[in-house]
Amino acid sequence: MIRLLCKRRFLVALWASFIEHVLLVGLDAVIALFVQSQFHWDASAAGLSFIPLYLPSLLGPAIGRLVSRIDARWPTTLGFILSVPGFICLR
């Protein structure tokens, strides 16, 4: 376990996963309240507003296969860059 925690690639992957989950948890706490107050949606419609956030996670196996063939650095960088416009629109 100590050897694994000393590897830089593992620490970067752990940090990226942490950042991704912090962003999603922050949105989980706010989106349902926002759509209920702004659009007067019921609980079902507010719950459906989470589909665009979690739909990309269905691509996980395909992305995992791609990353096992090539280096993980470029798909990870591309993923974070592609998420920036969405977060800019949500501010």
PDB file of N, CA and C in Angstrom:
ATOM      1  N   MET A   1       0.820  -1.186   0.000  1.00  0.00           N
ATOM      2  CA  MET A   1       0.000   0.000   0.000  1.00  0.00           C
ATOM      3  C   MET A   1       0.873   1.263   0.000  1.00  0.00           C
ATOM      4  N   ILE A   2       1.950   1.224   0.770  1.00  0.00           N
ATOM      5  CA  ILE A   2       2.848   2.379   0.835  1.00  0.00           C
ATOM      6  C   ILE A   2       3.511   2.614  -0.512  1.00  0.00           C
ATOM      7  N   ARG A   3       3.930   1.533  -1.175  1.00  0.00           N
ATOM      8  CA  ARG A   3       4.560   1.682  -2.496  1.00  0.00           C
ATOM      9  C   ARG A   3       3.589   2.285  -3.497  1.00  0.00           C
ATOM     10  N   LEU A   4       2.329   1.893  -3.400  1.00  0.00           N
ATOM     11  CA  LEU A   4       1.322   2.430  -4.310  1.00  0.00           C
ATOM     12  C   LEU A   4       1.102   3.917  -4.054  1.00  0.00           C
ATOM     13  N   LEU A   5       1.072   4.312  -2.807  1.00  0.00           N
ATOM     14  CA  LEU A   5       0.868   5.720  -2.479  1.00  0.00           C
ATOM     15  C   LEU A   5       2.074   6.588  -2.803  1.00  0.00           C
ATOM     16  N   CYS A   6       3.213   5.991  -3.053  1.00  0.00           N
ATOM     17  CA  CYS A   6       4.408   6.755  -3.423  1.00  0.00           C
ATOM     18  C   CYS A   6       4.493   7.014  -4.922  1.00  0.00           C
ATOM     19  N   LYS A   7       3.661   6.360  -5.695  1.00  0.00           N
ATOM     20  CA  LYS A   7       3.692   6.545  -7.151  1.00  0.00           C
ATOM     21  C   LYS A   7       2.939   7.821  -7.528  1.00  0.00           C
ATOM     22  N   ARG A   8       3.574   8.638  -8.359  1.00  0.00           N
ATOM     23  CA  ARG A   8       2.984   9.915  -8.747  1.00  0.00           C
ATOM     24  C   ARG A   8       1.736   9.739  -9.597  1.00  0.00           C
ATOM     25  N   ARG A   9       1.736   8.751 -10.468  1.00  0.00           N
ATOM     26  CA  ARG A   9       0.562   8.544 -11.334  1.00  0.00           C
ATOM     27  C   ARG A   9      -0.668   8.182 -10.517  1.00  0.00           C
ATOM     28  N   PHE A  10      -0.474   7.373  -9.486  1.00  0.00           N
ATOM     29  CA  PHE A  10      -1.592   6.995  -8.630  1.00  0.00           C
ATOM     30  C   PHE A  10      -2.117   8.207  -7.858  1.00  0.00           C
ATOM     31  N   LEU A  11      -1.210   9.035  -7.360  1.00  0.00           N
ATOM     32  CA  LEU A  11      -1.636  10.220  -6.619  1.00  0.00           C
ATOM     33  C   LEU A  11      -2.380  11.209  -7.515  1.00  0.00           C
ATOM     34  N   VAL A  12      -1.942  11.346  -8.755  1.00  0.00           N
ATOM     35  CA  VAL A  12      -2.636  12.235  -9.692  1.00  0.00           C
ATOM     36  C   VAL A  12      -4.021  11.682 -10.010  1.00  0.00           C
ATOM     37  N   ALA A  13      -4.128  10.380 -10.217  1.00  0.00           N
ATOM     38  CA  ALA A  13      -5.429   9.774 -10.482  1.00  0.00           C
ATOM     39  C   ALA A  13      -6.355   9.911  -9.276  1.00  0.00           C
ATOM     40  N   LEU A  14      -5.810   9.753  -8.096  1.00  0.00           N
ATOM     41  CA  LEU A  14      -6.599   9.915  -6.875  1.00  0.00           C
ATOM     42  C   LEU A  14      -7.075  11.357  -6.728  1.00  0.00           C
ATOM     43  N   TRP A  15      -6.207  12.307  -7.014  1.00  0.00           N
ATOM     44  CA  TRP A  15      -6.575  13.717  -6.936  1.00  0.00           C
ATOM     45  C   TRP A  15      -7.644  14.061  -7.980  1.00  0.00           C
ATOM     46  N   ALA A  16      -7.498  13.572  -9.203  1.00  0.00           N
ATOM     47  CA  ALA A  16      -8.488  13.847 -10.250  1.00  0.00           C
ATOM     48  C   ALA A  16      -9.844  13.259  -9.889  1.00  0.00           C
ATOM     49  N   SER A  17      -9.836  12.067  -9.338  1.00  0.00           N
ATOM     50  CA  SER A  17     -11.087  11.451  -8.908  1.00  0.00           C
ATOM     51  C   SER A  17     -11.730  12.250  -7.779  1.00  0.00           C
ATOM     52  N   PHE A  18     -10.928  12.735  -6.860  1.00  0.00           N
ATOM     53  CA  PHE A  18     -11.430  13.550  -5.758  1.00  0.00           C
ATOM     54  C   PHE A  18     -12.071  14.831  -6.282  1.00  0.00           C
ATOM     55  N   ILE A  19     -11.411  15.515  -7.203  1.00  0.00           N
ATOM     56  CA  ILE A  19     -11.941  16.760  -7.765  1.00  0.00           C
ATOM     57  C   ILE A  19     -13.251  16.505  -8.505  1.00  0.00           C
ATOM     58  N   GLU A  20     -13.296  15.443  -9.277  1.00  0.00           N
ATOM     59  CA  GLU A  20     -14.516  15.114 -10.012  1.00  0.00           C
ATOM     60  C   GLU A  20     -15.683  14.875  -9.053  1.00  0.00           C
ATOM     61  N   HIS A  21     -15.436  14.145  -7.997  1.00  0.00           N
ATOM     62  CA  HIS A  21     -16.511  13.844  -7.064  1.00  0.00           C
ATOM     63  C   HIS A  21     -16.909  15.053  -6.222  1.00  0.00           C
ATOM     64  N   VAL A  22     -15.976  15.925  -5.914  1.00  0.00           N
ATOM     65  CA  VAL A  22     -16.327  17.156  -5.205  1.00  0.00           C
ATOM     66  C   VAL A  22     -17.260  18.002  -6.059  1.00  0.00           C
ATOM     67  N   LEU A  23     -16.976  18.112  -7.346  1.00  0.00           N
ATOM     68  CA  LEU A  23     -17.832  18.889  -8.244  1.00  0.00           C
ATOM     69  C   LEU A  23     -19.216  18.266  -8.365  1.00  0.00           C
ATOM     70  N   LEU A  24     -19.274  16.950  -8.503  1.00  0.00           N
ATOM     71  CA  LEU A  24     -20.579  16.301  -8.633  1.00  0.00           C
ATOM     72  C   LEU A  24     -21.392  16.381  -7.350  1.00  0.00           C
ATOM     73  N   VAL A  25     -20.750  16.245  -6.197  1.00  0.00           N
ATOM     74  CA  VAL A  25     -21.473  16.346  -4.930  1.00  0.00           C
ATOM     75  C   VAL A  25     -21.976  17.768  -4.720  1.00  0.00           C
ATOM     76  N   GLY A  26     -21.172  18.746  -5.109  1.00  0.00           N
ATOM     77  CA  GLY A  26     -21.624  20.128  -5.014  1.00  0.00           C
ATOM     78  C   GLY A  26     -22.838  20.390  -5.883  1.00  0.00           C
ATOM     79  N   LEU A  27     -22.849  19.818  -7.063  1.00  0.00           N
ATOM     80  CA  LEU A  27     -24.008  19.981  -7.943  1.00  0.00           C
ATOM     81  C   LEU A  27     -25.206  19.200  -7.432  1.00  0.00           C
ATOM     82  N   ASP A  28     -24.977  18.042  -6.846  1.00  0.00           N
ATOM     83  CA  ASP A  28     -26.080  17.257  -6.286  1.00  0.00           C
ATOM     84  C   ASP A  28     -26.827  18.035  -5.215  1.00  0.00           C
ATOM     85  N   ALA A  29     -26.083  18.782  -4.427  1.00  0.00           N
ATOM     86  CA  ALA A  29     -26.701  19.512  -3.331  1.00  0.00           C
ATOM     87  C   ALA A  29     -27.489  20.726  -3.815  1.00  0.00           C
ATOM     88  N   VAL A  30     -27.136  21.265  -4.953  1.00  0.00           N
ATOM     89  CA  VAL A  30     -27.706  22.542  -5.373  1.00  0.00           C
ATOM     90  C   VAL A  30     -28.744  22.417  -6.478  1.00  0.00           C
ATOM     91  N   ILE A  31     -28.552  21.513  -7.420  1.00  0.00           N
ATOM     92  CA  ILE A  31     -29.409  21.494  -8.614  1.00  0.00           C
ATOM     93  C   ILE A  31     -30.872  21.247  -8.284  1.00  0.00           C
ATOM     94  N   ALA A  32     -31.161  20.288  -7.429  1.00  0.00           N
ATOM     95  CA  ALA A  32     -32.567  19.993  -7.109  1.00  0.00           C
ATOM     96  C   ALA A  32     -33.246  21.189  -6.453  1.00  0.00           C
ATOM     97  N   LEU A  33     -32.570  21.845  -5.539  1.00  0.00           N
ATOM     98  CA  LEU A  33     -33.144  23.031  -4.896  1.00  0.00           C
ATOM     99  C   LEU A  33     -33.321  24.176  -5.883  1.00  0.00           C
ATOM    100  N   PHE A  34     -32.364  24.327  -6.789  1.00  0.00           N
ATOM    101  CA  PHE A  34     -32.446  25.412  -7.767  1.00  0.00           C
ATOM    102  C   PHE A  34     -33.619  25.226  -8.721  1.00  0.00           C
ATOM    103  N   VAL A  35     -33.768  24.033  -9.285  1.00  0.00           N
ATOM    104  CA  VAL A  35     -34.858  23.842 -10.251  1.00  0.00           C
ATOM    105  C   VAL A  35     -36.224  23.878  -9.570  1.00  0.00           C
ATOM    106  N   GLN A  36     -36.279  23.483  -8.312  1.00  0.00           N
ATOM    107  CA  GLN A  36     -37.560  23.592  -7.608  1.00  0.00           C
ATOM    108  C   GLN A  36     -37.924  25.051  -7.339  1.00  0.00           C
ATOM    109  N   SER A  37     -36.952  25.871  -6.991  1.00  0.00           N
ATOM    110  CA  SER A  37     -37.271  27.273  -6.691  1.00  0.00           C
ATOM    111  C   SER A  37     -37.446  28.111  -7.959  1.00  0.00           C
ATOM    112  N   GLN A  38     -36.674  27.843  -9.008  1.00  0.00           N
ATOM    113  CA  GLN A  38     -36.743  28.664 -10.211  1.00  0.00           C
ATOM    114  C   GLN A  38     -37.860  28.244 -11.165  1.00  0.00           C
ATOM    115  N   PHE A  39     -38.027  26.928 -11.335  1.00  0.00           N
ATOM    116  CA  PHE A  39     -38.970  26.431 -12.337  1.00  0.00           C
ATOM    117  C   PHE A  39     -40.190  25.762 -11.722  1.00  0.00           C
ATOM    118  N   HIS A  40     -40.222  25.645 -10.395  1.00  0.00           N
ATOM    119  CA  HIS A  40     -41.329  25.021  -9.668  1.00  0.00           C
ATOM    120  C   HIS A  40     -41.567  23.584 -10.118  1.00  0.00           C
ATOM    121  N   TRP A  41     -40.477  22.856 -10.319  1.00  0.00           N
ATOM    122  CA  TRP A  41     -40.562  21.456 -10.702  1.00  0.00           C
ATOM    123  C   TRP A  41     -40.816  20.609  -9.475  1.00  0.00           C
ATOM    124  N   ASP A  42     -41.483  19.462  -9.684  1.00  0.00           N
ATOM    125  CA  ASP A  42     -41.679  18.527  -8.577  1.00  0.00           C
ATOM    126  C   ASP A  42     -40.426  17.669  -8.404  1.00  0.00           C
ATOM    127  N   ALA A  43     -40.467  16.745  -7.474  1.00  0.00           N
ATOM    128  CA  ALA A  43     -39.284  15.933  -7.157  1.00  0.00           C
ATOM    129  C   ALA A  43     -38.864  15.052  -8.333  1.00  0.00           C
ATOM    130  N   SER A  44     -39.812  14.535  -9.115  1.00  0.00           N
ATOM    131  CA  SER A  44     -39.467  13.678 -10.246  1.00  0.00           C
ATOM    132  C   SER A  44     -38.705  14.451 -11.321  1.00  0.00           C
ATOM    133  N   ALA A  45     -39.199  15.623 -11.649  1.00  0.00           N
ATOM    134  CA  ALA A  45     -38.528  16.431 -12.673  1.00  0.00           C
ATOM    135  C   ALA A  45     -37.167  16.900 -12.176  1.00  0.00           C
ATOM    136  N   ALA A  46     -37.068  17.259 -10.911  1.00  0.00           N
ATOM    137  CA  ALA A  46     -35.777  17.669 -10.358  1.00  0.00           C
ATOM    138  C   ALA A  46     -34.799  16.499 -10.384  1.00  0.00           C
ATOM    139  N   GLY A  47     -35.281  15.299 -10.119  1.00  0.00           N
ATOM    140  CA  GLY A  47     -34.423  14.116 -10.187  1.00  0.00           C
ATOM    141  C   GLY A  47     -33.958  13.826 -11.602  1.00  0.00           C
ATOM    142  N   LEU A  48     -34.805  14.073 -12.580  1.00  0.00           N
ATOM    143  CA  LEU A  48     -34.421  13.854 -13.977  1.00  0.00           C
ATOM    144  C   LEU A  48     -33.378  14.865 -14.454  1.00  0.00           C
ATOM    145  N   SER A  49     -33.259  15.977 -13.745  1.00  0.00           N
ATOM    146  CA  SER A  49     -32.254  16.956 -14.142  1.00  0.00           C
ATOM    147  C   SER A  49     -30.831  16.455 -13.880  1.00  0.00           C
ATOM    148  N   PHE A  50     -30.678  15.355 -13.155  1.00  0.00           N
ATOM    149  CA  PHE A  50     -29.355  14.793 -12.894  1.00  0.00           C
ATOM    150  C   PHE A  50     -28.879  13.863 -14.004  1.00  0.00           C
ATOM    151  N   ILE A  51     -29.727  13.529 -14.942  1.00  0.00           N
ATOM    152  CA  ILE A  51     -29.339  12.619 -16.023  1.00  0.00           C
ATOM    153  C   ILE A  51     -28.154  13.153 -16.828  1.00  0.00           C
ATOM    154  N   PRO A  52     -28.147  14.428 -17.243  1.00  0.00           N
ATOM    155  CA  PRO A  52     -26.974  14.898 -18.007  1.00  0.00           C
ATOM    156  C   PRO A  52     -25.663  14.838 -17.224  1.00  0.00           C
ATOM    157  N   LEU A  53     -25.733  14.897 -15.906  1.00  0.00           N
ATOM    158  CA  LEU A  53     -24.502  14.829 -15.116  1.00  0.00           C
ATOM    159  C   LEU A  53     -23.915  13.432 -15.072  1.00  0.00           C
ATOM    160  N   TYR A  54     -24.786  12.430 -14.983  1.00  0.00           N
ATOM    161  CA  TYR A  54     -24.303  11.069 -14.787  1.00  0.00           C
ATOM    162  C   TYR A  54     -24.338  10.213 -16.045  1.00  0.00           C
ATOM    163  N   LEU A  55     -24.888  10.726 -17.122  1.00  0.00           N
ATOM    164  CA  LEU A  55     -24.920   9.985 -18.381  1.00  0.00           C
ATOM    165  C   LEU A  55     -23.521   9.681 -18.928  1.00  0.00           C
ATOM    166  N   PRO A  56     -22.565  10.608 -18.849  1.00  0.00           N
ATOM    167  CA  PRO A  56     -21.219  10.279 -19.343  1.00  0.00           C
ATOM    168  C   PRO A  56     -20.543   9.139 -18.596  1.00  0.00           C
ATOM    169  N   SER A  57     -20.971   8.827 -17.387  1.00  0.00           N
ATOM    170  CA  SER A  57     -20.346   7.727 -16.647  1.00  0.00           C
ATOM    171  C   SER A  57     -20.655   6.374 -17.289  1.00  0.00           C
ATOM    172  N   LEU A  58     -21.645   6.317 -18.156  1.00  0.00           N
ATOM    173  CA  LEU A  58     -21.934   5.074 -18.872  1.00  0.00           C
ATOM    174  C   LEU A  58     -20.850   4.762 -19.904  1.00  0.00           C
ATOM    175  N   LEU A  59     -20.075   5.757 -20.269  1.00  0.00           N
ATOM    176  CA  LEU A  59     -18.980   5.555 -21.213  1.00  0.00           C
ATOM    177  C   LEU A  59     -17.713   5.041 -20.530  1.00  0.00           C
ATOM    178  N   GLY A  60     -17.765   4.814 -19.223  1.00  0.00           N
ATOM    179  CA  GLY A  60     -16.599   4.383 -18.459  1.00  0.00           C
ATOM    180  C   GLY A  60     -15.908   3.143 -18.999  1.00  0.00           C
ATOM    181  N   PRO A  61     -16.633   2.062 -19.301  1.00  0.00           N
ATOM    182  CA  PRO A  61     -15.951   0.879 -19.837  1.00  0.00           C
ATOM    183  C   PRO A  61     -15.253   1.128 -21.177  1.00  0.00           C
ATOM    184  N   ALA A  62     -15.880   1.893 -22.058  1.00  0.00           N
ATOM    185  CA  ALA A  62     -15.253   2.174 -23.353  1.00  0.00           C
ATOM    186  C   ALA A  62     -14.012   3.052 -23.171  1.00  0.00           C
ATOM    187  N   ILE A  63     -14.093   4.035 -22.308  1.00  0.00           N
ATOM    188  CA  ILE A  63     -12.942   4.890 -22.040  1.00  0.00           C
ATOM    189  C   ILE A  63     -11.835   4.085 -21.362  1.00  0.00           C
ATOM    190  N   GLY A  64     -12.198   3.171 -20.473  1.00  0.00           N
ATOM    191  CA  GLY A  64     -11.208   2.318 -19.820  1.00  0.00           C
ATOM    192  C   GLY A  64     -10.463   1.445 -20.814  1.00  0.00           C
ATOM    193  N   ARG A  65     -11.188   0.901 -21.789  1.00  0.00           N
ATOM    194  CA  ARG A  65     -10.542   0.115 -22.831  1.00  0.00           C
ATOM    195  C   ARG A  65      -9.586   0.971 -23.661  1.00  0.00           C
ATOM    196  N   LEU A  66     -10.010   2.195 -23.970  1.00  0.00           N
ATOM    197  CA  LEU A  66      -9.167   3.105 -24.737  1.00  0.00           C
ATOM    198  C   LEU A  66      -7.901   3.470 -23.956  1.00  0.00           C
ATOM    199  N   VAL A  67      -8.051   3.735 -22.685  1.00  0.00           N
ATOM    200  CA  VAL A  67      -6.923   4.140 -21.862  1.00  0.00           C
ATOM    201  C   VAL A  67      -5.945   2.988 -21.657  1.00  0.00           C
ATOM    202  N   SER A  68      -6.438   1.762 -21.645  1.00  0.00           N
ATOM    203  CA  SER A  68      -5.523   0.633 -21.490  1.00  0.00           C
ATOM    204  C   SER A  68      -4.662   0.425 -22.741  1.00  0.00           C
ATOM    205  N   ARG A  69      -5.128   0.904 -23.885  1.00  0.00           N
ATOM    206  CA  ARG A  69      -4.342   0.803 -25.120  1.00  0.00           C
ATOM    207  C   ARG A  69      -3.354   1.946 -25.276  1.00  0.00           C
ATOM    208  N   ILE A  70      -3.782   3.147 -24.881  1.00  0.00           N
ATOM    209  CA  ILE A  70      -2.908   4.315 -25.005  1.00  0.00           C
ATOM    210  C   ILE A  70      -2.652   4.871 -23.611  1.00  0.00           C
ATOM    211  N   ASP A  71      -1.842   5.897 -23.525  1.00  0.00           N
ATOM    212  CA  ASP A  71      -1.550   6.527 -22.246  1.00  0.00           C
ATOM    213  C   ASP A  71      -2.786   7.258 -21.730  1.00  0.00           C
ATOM    214  N   ALA A  72      -3.001   7.258 -20.452  1.00  0.00           N
ATOM    215  CA  ALA A  72      -4.197   7.856 -19.853  1.00  0.00           C
ATOM    216  C   ALA A  72      -4.124   9.376 -19.770  1.00  0.00           C
ATOM    217  N   ARG A  73      -2.968   9.941 -20.002  1.00  0.00           N
ATOM    218  CA  ARG A  73      -2.795  11.380 -19.808  1.00  0.00           C
ATOM    219  C   ARG A  73      -3.669  12.203 -20.742  1.00  0.00           C
ATOM    220  N   TRP A  74      -3.714  11.852 -22.019  1.00  0.00           N
ATOM    221  CA  TRP A  74      -4.457  12.668 -22.981  1.00  0.00           C
ATOM    222  C   TRP A  74      -5.965  12.532 -22.852  1.00  0.00           C
ATOM    223  N   PRO A  75      -6.530  11.340 -22.678  1.00  0.00           N
ATOM    224  CA  PRO A  75      -7.980  11.276 -22.460  1.00  0.00           C
ATOM    225  C   PRO A  75      -8.425  11.981 -21.173  1.00  0.00           C
ATOM    226  N   THR A  76      -7.602  11.914 -20.140  1.00  0.00           N
ATOM    227  CA  THR A  76      -7.940  12.599 -18.896  1.00  0.00           C
ATOM    228  C   THR A  76      -7.914  14.106 -19.080  1.00  0.00           C
ATOM    229  N   THR A  77      -6.890  14.605 -19.734  1.00  0.00           N
ATOM    230  CA  THR A  77      -6.798  16.038 -20.001  1.00  0.00           C
ATOM    231  C   THR A  77      -7.961  16.500 -20.861  1.00  0.00           C
ATOM    232  N   LEU A  78      -8.284  15.731 -21.883  1.00  0.00           N
ATOM    233  CA  LEU A  78      -9.408  16.068 -22.753  1.00  0.00           C
ATOM    234  C   LEU A  78     -10.722  16.074 -21.977  1.00  0.00           C
ATOM    235  N   GLY A  79     -10.901  15.115 -21.091  1.00  0.00           N
ATOM    236  CA  GLY A  79     -12.120  15.063 -20.296  1.00  0.00           C
ATOM    237  C   GLY A  79     -12.291  16.270 -19.399  1.00  0.00           C
ATOM    238  N   PHE A  80     -11.208  16.680 -18.745  1.00  0.00           N
ATOM    239  CA  PHE A  80     -11.302  17.861 -17.895  1.00  0.00           C
ATOM    240  C   PHE A  80     -11.500  19.129 -18.713  1.00  0.00           C
ATOM    241  N   ILE A  81     -10.861  19.217 -19.881  1.00  0.00           N
ATOM    242  CA  ILE A  81     -11.044  20.399 -20.728  1.00  0.00           C
ATOM    243  C   ILE A  81     -12.479  20.467 -21.254  1.00  0.00           C
ATOM    244  N   LEU A  82     -13.044  19.327 -21.632  1.00  0.00           N
ATOM    245  CA  LEU A  82     -14.423  19.319 -22.141  1.00  0.00           C
ATOM    246  C   LEU A  82     -15.447  19.614 -21.051  1.00  0.00           C
ATOM    247  N   SER A  83     -15.093  19.410 -19.792  1.00  0.00           N
ATOM    248  CA  SER A  83     -16.034  19.712 -18.718  1.00  0.00           C
ATOM    249  C   SER A  83     -16.056  21.189 -18.342  1.00  0.00           C
ATOM    250  N   VAL A  84     -15.049  21.945 -18.763  1.00  0.00           N
ATOM    251  CA  VAL A  84     -14.956  23.361 -18.402  1.00  0.00           C
ATOM    252  C   VAL A  84     -16.136  24.187 -18.946  1.00  0.00           C
ATOM    253  N   PRO A  85     -16.526  24.058 -20.220  1.00  0.00           N
ATOM    254  CA  PRO A  85     -17.648  24.887 -20.690  1.00  0.00           C
ATOM    255  C   PRO A  85     -18.953  24.638 -19.922  1.00  0.00           C
ATOM    256  N   GLY A  86     -19.198  23.400 -19.562  1.00  0.00           N
ATOM    257  CA  GLY A  86     -20.407  23.113 -18.788  1.00  0.00           C
ATOM    258  C   GLY A  86     -20.400  23.770 -17.430  1.00  0.00           C
ATOM    259  N   PHE A  87     -19.253  23.756 -16.766  1.00  0.00           N
ATOM    260  CA  PHE A  87     -19.168  24.397 -15.451  1.00  0.00           C
ATOM    261  C   PHE A  87     -19.198  25.914 -15.575  1.00  0.00           C
ATOM    262  N   ILE A  88     -18.691  26.452 -16.671  1.00  0.00           N
ATOM    263  CA  ILE A  88     -18.802  27.903 -16.894  1.00  0.00           C
ATOM    264  C   ILE A  88     -20.257  28.289 -17.071  1.00  0.00           C
ATOM    265  N   CYS A  89     -21.015  27.473 -17.795  1.00  0.00           N
ATOM    266  CA  CYS A  89     -22.434  27.757 -17.987  1.00  0.00           C
ATOM    267  C   CYS A  89     -23.233  27.618 -16.695  1.00  0.00           C
ATOM    268  N   LEU A  90     -22.771  26.796 -15.780  1.00  0.00           N
ATOM    269  CA  LEU A  90     -23.492  26.590 -14.519  1.00  0.00           C
ATOM    270  C   LEU A  90     -23.179  27.656 -13.468  1.00  0.00           C
ATOM    271  N   ARG A  91     -22.195  28.479 -13.699  1.00  0.00           N
ATOM    272  CA  ARG A  91     -21.879  29.465 -12.666  1.00  0.00           C
ATOM    273  C   ARG A  91     -22.910  30.507 -12.669  1.00  0.00           C
TER     274      ARG A  91
END
